[in-house]
Amino acid sequence: MEIKRKESDFIVTVSPHVRSVETVPRIMWTVVVSLLPALLCGVYFFGLRVIFVTALCIVGALFSEWFVEKLAGKPITIGDGSAFLSGLLLGLTMPVTVPFYIPLISSFIAVGITKQIFGGIGYNIFNPALIGRAFALITWPRAMTSWVEPSKMFDLNNIGAAFSNIGMWLDGKTSATPLGILKLEGIAKVFEPYAAKADLYMNLLIGQRAGSIGETSVIAILIGALFLMLRRYISWHIPVSYLATVGLFSWILGGKEGLFTGDALLHVLSGGLMLGAFFMATDYVTSPSVKKGRLVFGFGCGILTVLIRLKAGYPEGVMFAILIMNCFAPLIDRNLKQKVFGLRKGK
């Protein structure tokens, strides 16, 4: 005999019992909003071509997800915000001078291959945006390492000229990043244009330096990161352990005069470390889920970043460090998972 249930009946089910208003689209679009300060600072310092480059990455990411899912006969998920976020993150790691075809091809590698070929959101092993950037850097190294000095080219009085030249770069003065100068010419050359070290540190905080679109302004990145922390979308474990490890070991090993003579603050504020620590390394899918594991993950990223910066051929190591540690995330979770109470030893 069939039992009819009333709406008021209490139904007991197996745990866990989780009720939350958070959904994948809600989280993804919130992270997109948190990246707007970094994007707006990129527009302020490098001009309206920033919008052109990031838009290409986003459109390429959305099309790649739609195309692969359509080809595979899977439900279309471009509305959940994950592809949009991957495209935006990829755009923020690009130089403003990059040719138009690089963002489009890189976004397909990031989303169409790195994410969708592995099964879509939740199944990718590596951070999609970082794989896209790694592919671009290896394939077009000259274009991906051509930097210009910030020039505050977002001129409201000449906005027509800005849009008419949006497909090309507007006579930017080429320059090297602080880490590039440090790698090739030493720390004295980095501080040479400044009357005091504090002036360089302030420029790094504000964003008045050469670099990728979204990595230059530390303050803008921290504003977005603080917003995510207050919403409890990310925890402090990975960013703090990552930044602390880079600061400590760059101070110990980064000086030419011997141990404990490196400039920790320069290394922490330079390059893509802030963007990587708060927005790349904390990716839910490719980082550990347990708290102790996140600390180990951040420590590993920090060690690898310092080793690549100081001993390898690249002046920056954040991208490769996070991708390498992505490989170890499942192993870290497996070995540092929390103990299950109620079981006897040996069972």
C-alpha atoms as a PDB file:
ATOM      1  CA  MET A   1       0.000   0.000   0.000  1.00  0.00           C
ATOM      2  CA  GLU A   2       1.395   3.390  -0.955  1.00  0.00           C
ATOM      3  CA  ILE A   3       1.870   5.828   1.909  1.00  0.00           C
ATOM      4  CA  LYS A   4       1.015   9.429   1.097  1.00  0.00           C
ATOM      5  CA  ARG A   5       3.188  12.011   2.841  1.00  0.00           C
ATOM      6  CA  LYS A   6       2.034  15.389   3.930  1.00  0.00           C
ATOM      7  CA  GLU A   7       4.167  18.477   3.314  1.00  0.00           C
ATOM      8  CA  SER A   8       4.550  18.834   7.092  1.00  0.00           C
ATOM      9  CA  ASP A   9       6.027  15.334   7.532  1.00  0.00           C
ATOM     10  CA  PHE A  10       9.582  15.195   8.868  1.00  0.00           C
ATOM     11  CA  ILE A  11      11.786  13.043   6.647  1.00  0.00           C
ATOM     12  CA  VAL A  12      14.989  11.595   8.120  1.00  0.00           C
ATOM     13  CA  THR A  13      17.872  11.157   5.665  1.00  0.00           C
ATOM     14  CA  VAL A  14      21.505  10.169   5.860  1.00  0.00           C
ATOM     15  CA  SER A  15      24.002  12.872   6.870  1.00  0.00           C
ATOM     16  CA  PRO A  16      25.520  15.285   6.079  1.00  0.00           C
ATOM     17  CA  HIS A  17      22.694  17.779   6.468  1.00  0.00           C
ATOM     18  CA  VAL A  18      23.880  20.969   4.823  1.00  0.00           C
ATOM     19  CA  ARG A  19      21.665  23.911   3.983  1.00  0.00           C
ATOM     20  CA  SER A  20      23.312  26.825   2.223  1.00  0.00           C
ATOM     21  CA  VAL A  21      22.341  29.601  -0.155  1.00  0.00           C
ATOM     22  CA  GLU A  22      25.768  29.388  -1.801  1.00  0.00           C
ATOM     23  CA  THR A  23      25.817  27.960  -5.308  1.00  0.00           C
ATOM     24  CA  VAL A  24      28.532  27.603  -7.923  1.00  0.00           C
ATOM     25  CA  PRO A  25      27.259  30.585  -9.979  1.00  0.00           C
ATOM     26  CA  ARG A  26      26.962  32.740  -6.854  1.00  0.00           C
ATOM     27  CA  ILE A  27      30.546  31.968  -5.824  1.00  0.00           C
ATOM     28  CA  MET A  28      31.999  32.429  -9.306  1.00  0.00           C
ATOM     29  CA  TRP A  29      30.306  35.756  -9.962  1.00  0.00           C
ATOM     30  CA  THR A  30      31.302  36.994  -6.503  1.00  0.00           C
ATOM     31  CA  VAL A  31      34.954  36.228  -7.280  1.00  0.00           C
ATOM     32  CA  VAL A  32      34.531  38.090 -10.578  1.00  0.00           C
ATOM     33  CA  VAL A  33      33.323  41.143  -8.645  1.00  0.00           C
ATOM     34  CA  SER A  34      36.298  40.877  -6.271  1.00  0.00           C
ATOM     35  CA  LEU A  35      38.668  41.132  -9.250  1.00  0.00           C
ATOM     36  CA  LEU A  36      37.146  44.387 -10.525  1.00  0.00           C
ATOM     37  CA  PRO A  37      39.473  46.633  -8.447  1.00  0.00           C
ATOM     38  CA  ALA A  38      42.518  44.979 -10.049  1.00  0.00           C
ATOM     39  CA  LEU A  39      40.951  45.296 -13.506  1.00  0.00           C
ATOM     40  CA  LEU A  40      40.054  48.955 -13.008  1.00  0.00           C
ATOM     41  CA  CYS A  41      43.584  49.728 -11.805  1.00  0.00           C
ATOM     42  CA  GLY A  42      44.886  48.016 -14.931  1.00  0.00           C
ATOM     43  CA  VAL A  43      42.705  50.292 -17.061  1.00  0.00           C
ATOM     44  CA  TYR A  44      43.897  53.345 -15.124  1.00  0.00           C
ATOM     45  CA  PHE A  45      47.597  52.535 -15.490  1.00  0.00           C
ATOM     46  CA  PHE A  46      47.730  50.887 -18.925  1.00  0.00           C
ATOM     47  CA  GLY A  47      44.801  52.347 -20.838  1.00  0.00           C
ATOM     48  CA  LEU A  48      41.624  51.145 -22.512  1.00  0.00           C
ATOM     49  CA  ARG A  49      43.429  48.359 -24.358  1.00  0.00           C
ATOM     50  CA  VAL A  50      43.217  46.469 -21.065  1.00  0.00           C
ATOM     51  CA  ILE A  51      39.474  46.057 -21.711  1.00  0.00           C
ATOM     52  CA  PHE A  52      40.209  44.816 -25.225  1.00  0.00           C
ATOM     53  CA  VAL A  53      42.673  42.153 -24.025  1.00  0.00           C
ATOM     54  CA  THR A  54      40.554  40.912 -21.110  1.00  0.00           C
ATOM     55  CA  ALA A  55      37.416  40.876 -23.273  1.00  0.00           C
ATOM     56  CA  LEU A  56      39.195  38.653 -25.802  1.00  0.00           C
ATOM     57  CA  CYS A  57      40.155  36.227 -23.035  1.00  0.00           C
ATOM     58  CA  ILE A  58      36.623  36.146 -21.627  1.00  0.00           C
ATOM     59  CA  VAL A  59      34.936  35.721 -25.020  1.00  0.00           C
ATOM     60  CA  GLY A  60      37.445  33.020 -25.947  1.00  0.00           C
ATOM     61  CA  ALA A  61      36.815  31.187 -22.670  1.00  0.00           C
ATOM     62  CA  LEU A  62      33.022  31.343 -23.018  1.00  0.00           C
ATOM     63  CA  PHE A  63      33.104  30.205 -26.634  1.00  0.00           C
ATOM     64  CA  SER A  64      35.507  27.363 -25.823  1.00  0.00           C
ATOM     65  CA  GLU A  65      33.242  26.053 -23.060  1.00  0.00           C
ATOM     66  CA  TRP A  66      30.143  26.309 -25.266  1.00  0.00           C
ATOM     67  CA  PHE A  67      31.877  24.677 -28.244  1.00  0.00           C
ATOM     68  CA  VAL A  68      33.313  21.682 -26.364  1.00  0.00           C
ATOM     69  CA  GLU A  69      30.086  21.058 -24.441  1.00  0.00           C
ATOM     70  CA  LYS A  70      28.040  21.343 -27.636  1.00  0.00           C
ATOM     71  CA  LEU A  71      30.405  18.969 -29.400  1.00  0.00           C
ATOM     72  CA  ALA A  72      30.176  16.457 -26.541  1.00  0.00           C
ATOM     73  CA  GLY A  73      26.403  16.739 -26.222  1.00  0.00           C
ATOM     74  CA  LYS A  74      26.655  17.979 -22.651  1.00  0.00           C
ATOM     75  CA  PRO A  75      24.496  20.660 -20.962  1.00  0.00           C
ATOM     76  CA  ILE A  76      25.753  24.186 -21.667  1.00  0.00           C
ATOM     77  CA  THR A  77      27.168  25.716 -18.462  1.00  0.00           C
ATOM     78  CA  ILE A  78      28.539  29.076 -19.564  1.00  0.00           C
ATOM     79  CA  GLY A  79      26.036  30.789 -17.266  1.00  0.00           C
ATOM     80  CA  ASP A  80      27.636  29.457 -14.078  1.00  0.00           C
ATOM     81  CA  GLY A  81      30.435  32.037 -14.291  1.00  0.00           C
ATOM     82  CA  SER A  82      33.359  29.596 -14.113  1.00  0.00           C
ATOM     83  CA  ALA A  83      34.454  30.102 -17.735  1.00  0.00           C
ATOM     84  CA  PHE A  84      33.985  33.863 -17.396  1.00  0.00           C
ATOM     85  CA  LEU A  85      36.182  33.837 -14.276  1.00  0.00           C
ATOM     86  CA  SER A  86      38.895  31.755 -15.945  1.00  0.00           C
ATOM     87  CA  GLY A  87      38.934  34.164 -18.890  1.00  0.00           C
ATOM     88  CA  LEU A  88      39.123  37.190 -16.615  1.00  0.00           C
ATOM     89  CA  LEU A  89      41.981  35.706 -14.572  1.00  0.00           C
ATOM     90  CA  LEU A  90      43.835  34.828 -17.761  1.00  0.00           C
ATOM     91  CA  GLY A  91      43.355  38.372 -19.052  1.00  0.00           C
ATOM     92  CA  LEU A  92      44.754  39.831 -15.834  1.00  0.00           C
ATOM     93  CA  THR A  93      47.949  37.811 -16.306  1.00  0.00           C
ATOM     94  CA  MET A  94      48.537  39.124 -19.842  1.00  0.00           C
ATOM     95  CA  PRO A  95      50.773  42.039 -20.847  1.00  0.00           C
ATOM     96  CA  VAL A  96      48.763  44.915 -22.270  1.00  0.00           C
ATOM     97  CA  THR A  97      50.869  44.784 -25.470  1.00  0.00           C
ATOM     98  CA  VAL A  98      49.945  41.194 -26.336  1.00  0.00           C
ATOM     99  CA  PRO A  99      48.684  40.563 -29.921  1.00  0.00           C
ATOM    100  CA  PHE A 100      44.971  39.761 -30.222  1.00  0.00           C
ATOM    101  CA  TYR A 101      45.368  36.102 -31.237  1.00  0.00           C
ATOM    102  CA  ILE A 102      47.271  35.104 -28.077  1.00  0.00           C
ATOM    103  CA  PRO A 103      44.368  35.713 -25.654  1.00  0.00           C
ATOM    104  CA  LEU A 104      41.978  33.817 -27.943  1.00  0.00           C
ATOM    105  CA  ILE A 105      44.185  30.746 -28.367  1.00  0.00           C
ATOM    106  CA  SER A 106      45.285  30.738 -24.717  1.00  0.00           C
ATOM    107  CA  SER A 107      41.696  30.893 -23.482  1.00  0.00           C
ATOM    108  CA  PHE A 108      40.840  27.830 -25.574  1.00  0.00           C
ATOM    109  CA  ILE A 109      43.779  25.967 -24.029  1.00  0.00           C
ATOM    110  CA  ALA A 110      42.644  27.113 -20.573  1.00  0.00           C
ATOM    111  CA  VAL A 111      38.949  26.238 -20.790  1.00  0.00           C
ATOM    112  CA  GLY A 112      38.437  24.029 -23.828  1.00  0.00           C
ATOM    113  CA  ILE A 113      41.281  21.654 -22.957  1.00  0.00           C
ATOM    114  CA  THR A 114      42.432  22.109 -19.353  1.00  0.00           C
ATOM    115  CA  LYS A 115      38.911  22.281 -17.953  1.00  0.00           C
ATOM    116  CA  GLN A 116      36.461  20.638 -20.361  1.00  0.00           C
ATOM    117  CA  ILE A 117      38.564  17.736 -21.633  1.00  0.00           C
ATOM    118  CA  PHE A 118      39.016  16.587 -18.036  1.00  0.00           C
ATOM    119  CA  GLY A 119      35.257  16.638 -17.442  1.00  0.00           C
ATOM    120  CA  GLY A 120      34.320  20.242 -16.722  1.00  0.00           C
ATOM    121  CA  ILE A 121      34.153  22.202 -13.498  1.00  0.00           C
ATOM    122  CA  GLY A 122      35.314  20.229 -10.484  1.00  0.00           C
ATOM    123  CA  TYR A 123      37.358  17.712 -12.480  1.00  0.00           C
ATOM    124  CA  ASN A 124      40.307  19.718 -13.796  1.00  0.00           C
ATOM    125  CA  ILE A 125      43.693  18.898 -12.271  1.00  0.00           C
ATOM    126  CA  PHE A 126      45.383  22.228 -13.000  1.00  0.00           C
ATOM    127  CA  ASN A 127      44.267  25.831 -12.674  1.00  0.00           C
ATOM    128  CA  PRO A 128      42.860  26.635 -16.157  1.00  0.00           C
ATOM    129  CA  ALA A 129      43.984  30.282 -16.280  1.00  0.00           C
ATOM    130  CA  LEU A 130      47.558  29.382 -15.320  1.00  0.00           C
ATOM    131  CA  ILE A 131      47.753  26.622 -17.929  1.00  0.00           C
ATOM    132  CA  GLY A 132      46.561  29.122 -20.529  1.00  0.00           C
ATOM    133  CA  ARG A 133      49.224  31.586 -19.481  1.00  0.00           C
ATOM    134  CA  ALA A 134      51.929  28.903 -19.340  1.00  0.00           C
ATOM    135  CA  PHE A 135      51.049  27.851 -22.885  1.00  0.00           C
ATOM    136  CA  ALA A 136      51.230  31.465 -24.075  1.00  0.00           C
ATOM    137  CA  LEU A 137      54.555  32.089 -22.311  1.00  0.00           C
ATOM    138  CA  ILE A 138      56.184  28.977 -23.765  1.00  0.00           C
ATOM    139  CA  THR A 139      54.760  29.499 -27.264  1.00  0.00           C
ATOM    140  CA  TRP A 140      55.218  33.279 -27.569  1.00  0.00           C
ATOM    141  CA  PRO A 141      57.919  34.186 -24.999  1.00  0.00           C
ATOM    142  CA  ARG A 142      58.816  37.532 -26.556  1.00  0.00           C
ATOM    143  CA  ALA A 143      55.224  38.782 -26.743  1.00  0.00           C
ATOM    144  CA  MET A 144      54.466  37.551 -23.215  1.00  0.00           C
ATOM    145  CA  THR A 145      57.477  39.315 -21.713  1.00  0.00           C
ATOM    146  CA  SER A 146      57.148  42.692 -23.442  1.00  0.00           C
ATOM    147  CA  TRP A 147      56.286  45.172 -20.713  1.00  0.00           C
ATOM    148  CA  VAL A 148      55.506  48.868 -20.744  1.00  0.00           C
ATOM    149  CA  GLU A 149      55.591  51.432 -17.983  1.00  0.00           C
ATOM    150  CA  PRO A 150      52.228  52.560 -16.587  1.00  0.00           C
ATOM    151  CA  SER A 151      51.223  55.836 -18.175  1.00  0.00           C
ATOM    152  CA  LYS A 152      47.710  56.548 -16.868  1.00  0.00           C
ATOM    153  CA  MET A 153      46.424  56.504 -20.430  1.00  0.00           C
ATOM    154  CA  PHE A 154      42.751  56.443 -19.482  1.00  0.00           C
ATOM    155  CA  ASP A 155      42.228  60.038 -20.572  1.00  0.00           C
ATOM    156  CA  LEU A 156      38.585  61.141 -20.513  1.00  0.00           C
ATOM    157  CA  ASN A 157      39.494  64.239 -22.540  1.00  0.00           C
ATOM    158  CA  ASN A 158      40.846  62.089 -25.368  1.00  0.00           C
ATOM    159  CA  ILE A 159      38.632  59.014 -25.126  1.00  0.00           C
ATOM    160  CA  GLY A 160      37.917  59.011 -28.869  1.00  0.00           C
ATOM    161  CA  ALA A 161      41.583  58.538 -29.689  1.00  0.00           C
ATOM    162  CA  ALA A 162      41.834  55.798 -27.120  1.00  0.00           C
ATOM    163  CA  PHE A 163      39.026  53.808 -28.753  1.00  0.00           C
ATOM    164  CA  SER A 164      40.292  54.414 -32.272  1.00  0.00           C
ATOM    165  CA  ASN A 165      43.616  52.826 -31.334  1.00  0.00           C
ATOM    166  CA  ILE A 166      42.298  50.083 -29.065  1.00  0.00           C
ATOM    167  CA  GLY A 167      43.536  47.309 -31.347  1.00  0.00           C
ATOM    168  CA  MET A 168      47.147  48.410 -30.989  1.00  0.00           C
ATOM    169  CA  TRP A 169      49.390  49.710 -28.261  1.00  0.00           C
ATOM    170  CA  LEU A 170      49.652  53.490 -27.885  1.00  0.00           C
ATOM    171  CA  ASP A 171      53.368  54.313 -27.873  1.00  0.00           C
ATOM    172  CA  GLY A 172      54.028  52.836 -24.452  1.00  0.00           C
ATOM    173  CA  LYS A 173      57.540  53.155 -23.089  1.00  0.00           C
ATOM    174  CA  THR A 174      59.028  49.688 -22.814  1.00  0.00           C
ATOM    175  CA  SER A 175      60.396  48.690 -19.442  1.00  0.00           C
ATOM    176  CA  ALA A 176      61.376  45.662 -17.384  1.00  0.00           C
ATOM    177  CA  THR A 177      59.564  44.463 -14.300  1.00  0.00           C
ATOM    178  CA  PRO A 178      61.266  44.884 -10.900  1.00  0.00           C
ATOM    179  CA  LEU A 179      61.920  41.134 -10.778  1.00  0.00           C
ATOM    180  CA  GLY A 180      63.380  41.222 -14.293  1.00  0.00           C
ATOM    181  CA  ILE A 181      65.748  44.019 -13.336  1.00  0.00           C
ATOM    182  CA  LEU A 182      66.651  42.183 -10.122  1.00  0.00           C
ATOM    183  CA  LYS A 183      67.419  39.013 -12.068  1.00  0.00           C
ATOM    184  CA  LEU A 184      69.604  40.644 -14.711  1.00  0.00           C
ATOM    185  CA  GLU A 185      71.218  43.630 -13.019  1.00  0.00           C
ATOM    186  CA  GLY A 186      70.926  43.197  -9.268  1.00  0.00           C
ATOM    187  CA  ILE A 187      69.036  44.870  -6.470  1.00  0.00           C
ATOM    188  CA  ALA A 188      70.995  48.134  -6.651  1.00  0.00           C
ATOM    189  CA  LYS A 189      69.603  48.745 -10.143  1.00  0.00           C
ATOM    190  CA  VAL A 190      66.052  48.169  -8.901  1.00  0.00           C
ATOM    191  CA  PHE A 191      66.346  50.942  -6.302  1.00  0.00           C
ATOM    192  CA  GLU A 192      68.424  53.267  -8.517  1.00  0.00           C
ATOM    193  CA  PRO A 193      65.549  55.497  -9.783  1.00  0.00           C
ATOM    194  CA  TYR A 194      64.246  56.083  -6.246  1.00  0.00           C
ATOM    195  CA  ALA A 195      65.494  58.390  -3.525  1.00  0.00           C
ATOM    196  CA  ALA A 196      64.573  55.845  -0.840  1.00  0.00           C
ATOM    197  CA  LYS A 197      63.446  52.244  -0.638  1.00  0.00           C
ATOM    198  CA  ALA A 198      60.087  53.392   0.686  1.00  0.00           C
ATOM    199  CA  ASP A 199      59.382  55.113  -2.648  1.00  0.00           C
ATOM    200  CA  LEU A 200      59.747  51.821  -4.535  1.00  0.00           C
ATOM    201  CA  TYR A 201      57.615  49.963  -2.002  1.00  0.00           C
ATOM    202  CA  MET A 202      54.895  52.596  -2.340  1.00  0.00           C
ATOM    203  CA  ASN A 203      54.922  52.291  -6.131  1.00  0.00           C
ATOM    204  CA  LEU A 204      54.601  48.515  -5.816  1.00  0.00           C
ATOM    205  CA  LEU A 205      51.647  48.920  -3.478  1.00  0.00           C
ATOM    206  CA  ILE A 206      49.875  51.406  -5.730  1.00  0.00           C
ATOM    207  CA  GLY A 207      50.705  49.718  -9.030  1.00  0.00           C
ATOM    208  CA  GLN A 208      53.034  52.231 -10.649  1.00  0.00           C
ATOM    209  CA  ARG A 209      55.307  49.622 -12.253  1.00  0.00           C
ATOM    210  CA  ALA A 210      55.613  47.472 -15.343  1.00  0.00           C
ATOM    211  CA  GLY A 211      53.895  44.101 -15.295  1.00  0.00           C
ATOM    212  CA  SER A 212      50.824  42.158 -16.298  1.00  0.00           C
ATOM    213  CA  ILE A 213      47.449  43.889 -16.411  1.00  0.00           C
ATOM    214  CA  GLY A 214      46.108  42.802 -13.032  1.00  0.00           C
ATOM    215  CA  GLU A 215      49.218  42.095 -10.977  1.00  0.00           C
ATOM    216  CA  THR A 216      50.679  45.562 -10.515  1.00  0.00           C
ATOM    217  CA  SER A 217      48.466  47.122  -7.824  1.00  0.00           C
ATOM    218  CA  VAL A 218      48.882  45.243  -4.547  1.00  0.00           C
ATOM    219  CA  ILE A 219      46.277  47.445  -2.856  1.00  0.00           C
ATOM    220  CA  ALA A 220      43.624  46.612  -5.475  1.00  0.00           C
ATOM    221  CA  ILE A 221      44.314  42.894  -5.142  1.00  0.00           C
ATOM    222  CA  LEU A 222      44.126  43.062  -1.348  1.00  0.00           C
ATOM    223  CA  ILE A 223      40.782  44.874  -1.508  1.00  0.00           C
ATOM    224  CA  GLY A 224      39.332  42.027  -3.572  1.00  0.00           C
ATOM    225  CA  ALA A 225      40.958  39.383  -1.365  1.00  0.00           C
ATOM    226  CA  LEU A 226      39.617  40.970   1.819  1.00  0.00           C
ATOM    227  CA  PHE A 227      36.129  40.955   0.308  1.00  0.00           C
ATOM    228  CA  LEU A 228      36.390  37.221  -0.398  1.00  0.00           C
ATOM    229  CA  MET A 229      37.696  36.511   3.088  1.00  0.00           C
ATOM    230  CA  LEU A 230      34.840  38.421   4.682  1.00  0.00           C
ATOM    231  CA  ARG A 231      32.428  36.373   2.567  1.00  0.00           C
ATOM    232  CA  ARG A 232      34.356  33.249   3.690  1.00  0.00           C
ATOM    233  CA  TYR A 233      34.962  32.159   0.122  1.00  0.00           C
ATOM    234  CA  ILE A 234      38.679  31.820   0.786  1.00  0.00           C
ATOM    235  CA  SER A 235      40.586  31.218   4.017  1.00  0.00           C
ATOM    236  CA  TRP A 236      43.880  32.683   5.172  1.00  0.00           C
ATOM    237  CA  HIS A 237      45.772  29.383   5.186  1.00  0.00           C
ATOM    238  CA  ILE A 238      47.158  29.271   1.634  1.00  0.00           C
ATOM    239  CA  PRO A 239      47.790  33.020   1.062  1.00  0.00           C
ATOM    240  CA  VAL A 240      49.449  33.631   4.434  1.00  0.00           C
ATOM    241  CA  SER A 241      51.630  30.508   4.336  1.00  0.00           C
ATOM    242  CA  TYR A 242      52.538  31.275   0.699  1.00  0.00           C
ATOM    243  CA  LEU A 243      53.482  34.923   1.308  1.00  0.00           C
ATOM    244  CA  ALA A 244      55.282  34.171   4.584  1.00  0.00           C
ATOM    245  CA  THR A 245      57.366  31.431   2.954  1.00  0.00           C
ATOM    246  CA  VAL A 246      58.373  33.657   0.040  1.00  0.00           C
ATOM    247  CA  GLY A 247      59.270  36.496   2.415  1.00  0.00           C
ATOM    248  CA  LEU A 248      61.285  34.281   4.761  1.00  0.00           C
ATOM    249  CA  PHE A 249      63.296  32.371   2.183  1.00  0.00           C
ATOM    250  CA  SER A 250      63.906  35.348  -0.110  1.00  0.00           C
ATOM    251  CA  TRP A 251      65.324  37.139   2.963  1.00  0.00           C
ATOM    252  CA  ILE A 252      67.523  34.151   3.789  1.00  0.00           C
ATOM    253  CA  LEU A 253      68.672  33.252   0.283  1.00  0.00           C
ATOM    254  CA  GLY A 254      67.995  36.312  -1.864  1.00  0.00           C
ATOM    255  CA  GLY A 255      70.939  38.535  -0.971  1.00  0.00           C
ATOM    256  CA  LYS A 256      74.218  38.759  -2.894  1.00  0.00           C
ATOM    257  CA  GLU A 257      76.163  39.515   0.299  1.00  0.00           C
ATOM    258  CA  GLY A 258      75.322  36.173   1.913  1.00  0.00           C
ATOM    259  CA  LEU A 259      72.593  34.617   3.987  1.00  0.00           C
ATOM    260  CA  PHE A 260      69.895  36.786   5.607  1.00  0.00           C
ATOM    261  CA  THR A 261      70.599  39.775   3.356  1.00  0.00           C
ATOM    262  CA  GLY A 262      67.745  39.502   0.826  1.00  0.00           C
ATOM    263  CA  ASP A 263      64.951  42.044   0.478  1.00  0.00           C
ATOM    264  CA  ALA A 264      61.856  40.125   1.571  1.00  0.00           C
ATOM    265  CA  LEU A 265      59.432  43.007   1.023  1.00  0.00           C
ATOM    266  CA  LEU A 266      60.577  43.505  -2.570  1.00  0.00           C
ATOM    267  CA  HIS A 267      59.924  39.852  -3.374  1.00  0.00           C
ATOM    268  CA  VAL A 268      56.531  39.795  -1.659  1.00  0.00           C
ATOM    269  CA  LEU A 269      55.230  42.931  -3.358  1.00  0.00           C
ATOM    270  CA  SER A 270      56.674  42.231  -6.833  1.00  0.00           C
ATOM    271  CA  GLY A 271      55.493  40.078  -9.698  1.00  0.00           C
ATOM    272  CA  GLY A 272      52.298  38.091  -9.685  1.00  0.00           C
ATOM    273  CA  LEU A 273      52.686  36.798  -6.130  1.00  0.00           C
ATOM    274  CA  MET A 274      49.715  38.644  -4.630  1.00  0.00           C
ATOM    275  CA  LEU A 275      47.363  37.746  -7.480  1.00  0.00           C
ATOM    276  CA  GLY A 276      48.576  34.156  -7.427  1.00  0.00           C
ATOM    277  CA  ALA A 277      48.415  33.727  -3.660  1.00  0.00           C
ATOM    278  CA  PHE A 278      44.870  35.034  -3.224  1.00  0.00           C
ATOM    279  CA  PHE A 279      43.145  34.175  -6.512  1.00  0.00           C
ATOM    280  CA  MET A 280      45.040  31.292  -8.157  1.00  0.00           C
ATOM    281  CA  ALA A 281      46.420  29.120  -5.369  1.00  0.00           C
ATOM    282  CA  THR A 282      43.096  29.228  -3.482  1.00  0.00           C
ATOM    283  CA  ASP A 283      41.129  27.674  -6.353  1.00  0.00           C
ATOM    284  CA  TYR A 284      38.663  25.195  -4.807  1.00  0.00           C
ATOM    285  CA  VAL A 285      39.220  22.440  -7.364  1.00  0.00           C
ATOM    286  CA  THR A 286      43.025  22.417  -7.604  1.00  0.00           C
ATOM    287  CA  SER A 287      44.018  23.092  -3.973  1.00  0.00           C
ATOM    288  CA  PRO A 288      43.689  20.947  -0.819  1.00  0.00           C
ATOM    289  CA  SER A 289      40.426  21.008   1.112  1.00  0.00           C
ATOM    290  CA  VAL A 290      41.783  20.338   4.623  1.00  0.00           C
ATOM    291  CA  LYS A 291      43.272  23.227   6.614  1.00  0.00           C
ATOM    292  CA  LYS A 292      46.603  21.550   7.387  1.00  0.00           C
ATOM    293  CA  GLY A 293      46.871  20.611   3.745  1.00  0.00           C
ATOM    294  CA  ARG A 294      46.352  24.228   2.695  1.00  0.00           C
ATOM    295  CA  LEU A 295      49.263  25.302   4.890  1.00  0.00           C
ATOM    296  CA  VAL A 296      51.487  22.648   3.304  1.00  0.00           C
ATOM    297  CA  PHE A 297      50.282  23.695  -0.148  1.00  0.00           C
ATOM    298  CA  GLY A 298      51.096  27.352   0.499  1.00  0.00           C
ATOM    299  CA  PHE A 299      54.503  26.437   1.914  1.00  0.00           C
ATOM    300  CA  GLY A 300      55.301  24.334  -1.154  1.00  0.00           C
ATOM    301  CA  CYS A 301      54.222  27.134  -3.506  1.00  0.00           C
ATOM    302  CA  GLY A 302      56.428  29.561  -1.598  1.00  0.00           C
ATOM    303  CA  ILE A 303      59.521  27.356  -1.696  1.00  0.00           C
ATOM    304  CA  LEU A 304      59.142  26.686  -5.420  1.00  0.00           C
ATOM    305  CA  THR A 305      58.530  30.361  -6.191  1.00  0.00           C
ATOM    306  CA  VAL A 306      61.732  31.412  -4.418  1.00  0.00           C
ATOM    307  CA  LEU A 307      63.789  28.653  -6.059  1.00  0.00           C
ATOM    308  CA  ILE A 308      62.567  29.583  -9.545  1.00  0.00           C
ATOM    309  CA  ARG A 309      63.080  33.302  -8.962  1.00  0.00           C
ATOM    310  CA  LEU A 310      66.592  32.920  -7.571  1.00  0.00           C
ATOM    311  CA  LYS A 311      68.018  29.887  -9.357  1.00  0.00           C
ATOM    312  CA  ALA A 312      66.063  29.286 -12.584  1.00  0.00           C
ATOM    313  CA  GLY A 313      66.079  31.172 -15.861  1.00  0.00           C
ATOM    314  CA  TYR A 314      62.738  32.908 -15.269  1.00  0.00           C
ATOM    315  CA  PRO A 315      62.562  36.019 -13.075  1.00  0.00           C
ATOM    316  CA  GLU A 316      59.083  34.971 -11.891  1.00  0.00           C
ATOM    317  CA  GLY A 317      58.034  31.623 -10.444  1.00  0.00           C
ATOM    318  CA  VAL A 318      54.463  31.985  -9.206  1.00  0.00           C
ATOM    319  CA  MET A 319      52.774  30.375 -12.207  1.00  0.00           C
ATOM    320  CA  PHE A 320      55.002  27.297 -12.330  1.00  0.00           C
ATOM    321  CA  ALA A 321      55.017  26.922  -8.536  1.00  0.00           C
ATOM    322  CA  ILE A 322      51.214  26.776  -8.301  1.00  0.00           C
ATOM    323  CA  LEU A 323      50.902  24.402 -11.265  1.00  0.00           C
ATOM    324  CA  ILE A 324      53.468  22.022  -9.771  1.00  0.00           C
ATOM    325  CA  MET A 325      51.706  22.060  -6.406  1.00  0.00           C
ATOM    326  CA  ASN A 326      48.365  21.401  -8.151  1.00  0.00           C
ATOM    327  CA  CYS A 327      49.768  17.935  -8.892  1.00  0.00           C
ATOM    328  CA  PHE A 328      50.276  17.278  -5.180  1.00  0.00           C
ATOM    329  CA  ALA A 329      46.914  18.604  -3.933  1.00  0.00           C
ATOM    330  CA  PRO A 330      45.141  15.181  -3.961  1.00  0.00           C
ATOM    331  CA  LEU A 331      48.137  13.547  -2.255  1.00  0.00           C
ATOM    332  CA  ILE A 332      48.206  16.249   0.429  1.00  0.00           C
ATOM    333  CA  ASP A 333      44.488  15.816   1.096  1.00  0.00           C
ATOM    334  CA  ARG A 334      44.822  12.051   1.290  1.00  0.00           C
ATOM    335  CA  ASN A 335      47.657  12.112   3.826  1.00  0.00           C
ATOM    336  CA  LEU A 336      46.446  14.992   5.974  1.00  0.00           C
ATOM    337  CA  LYS A 337      42.754  14.188   6.127  1.00  0.00           C
ATOM    338  CA  GLN A 338      41.096  14.521   9.508  1.00  0.00           C
ATOM    339  CA  LYS A 339      40.822  11.476  11.730  1.00  0.00           C
ATOM    340  CA  VAL A 340      37.480   9.693  11.901  1.00  0.00           C
ATOM    341  CA  PHE A 341      36.294   9.358  15.492  1.00  0.00           C
ATOM    342  CA  GLY A 342      34.814   6.094  16.734  1.00  0.00           C
ATOM    343  CA  LEU A 343      37.164   3.669  14.966  1.00  0.00           C
ATOM    344  CA  ARG A 344      39.612   1.419  16.757  1.00  0.00           C
ATOM    345  CA  LYS A 345      43.258   1.320  15.807  1.00  0.00           C
ATOM    346  CA  GLY A 346      44.030  -1.211  13.144  1.00  0.00           C
ATOM    347  CA  LYS A 347      40.585  -0.998  11.578  1.00  0.00           C
END
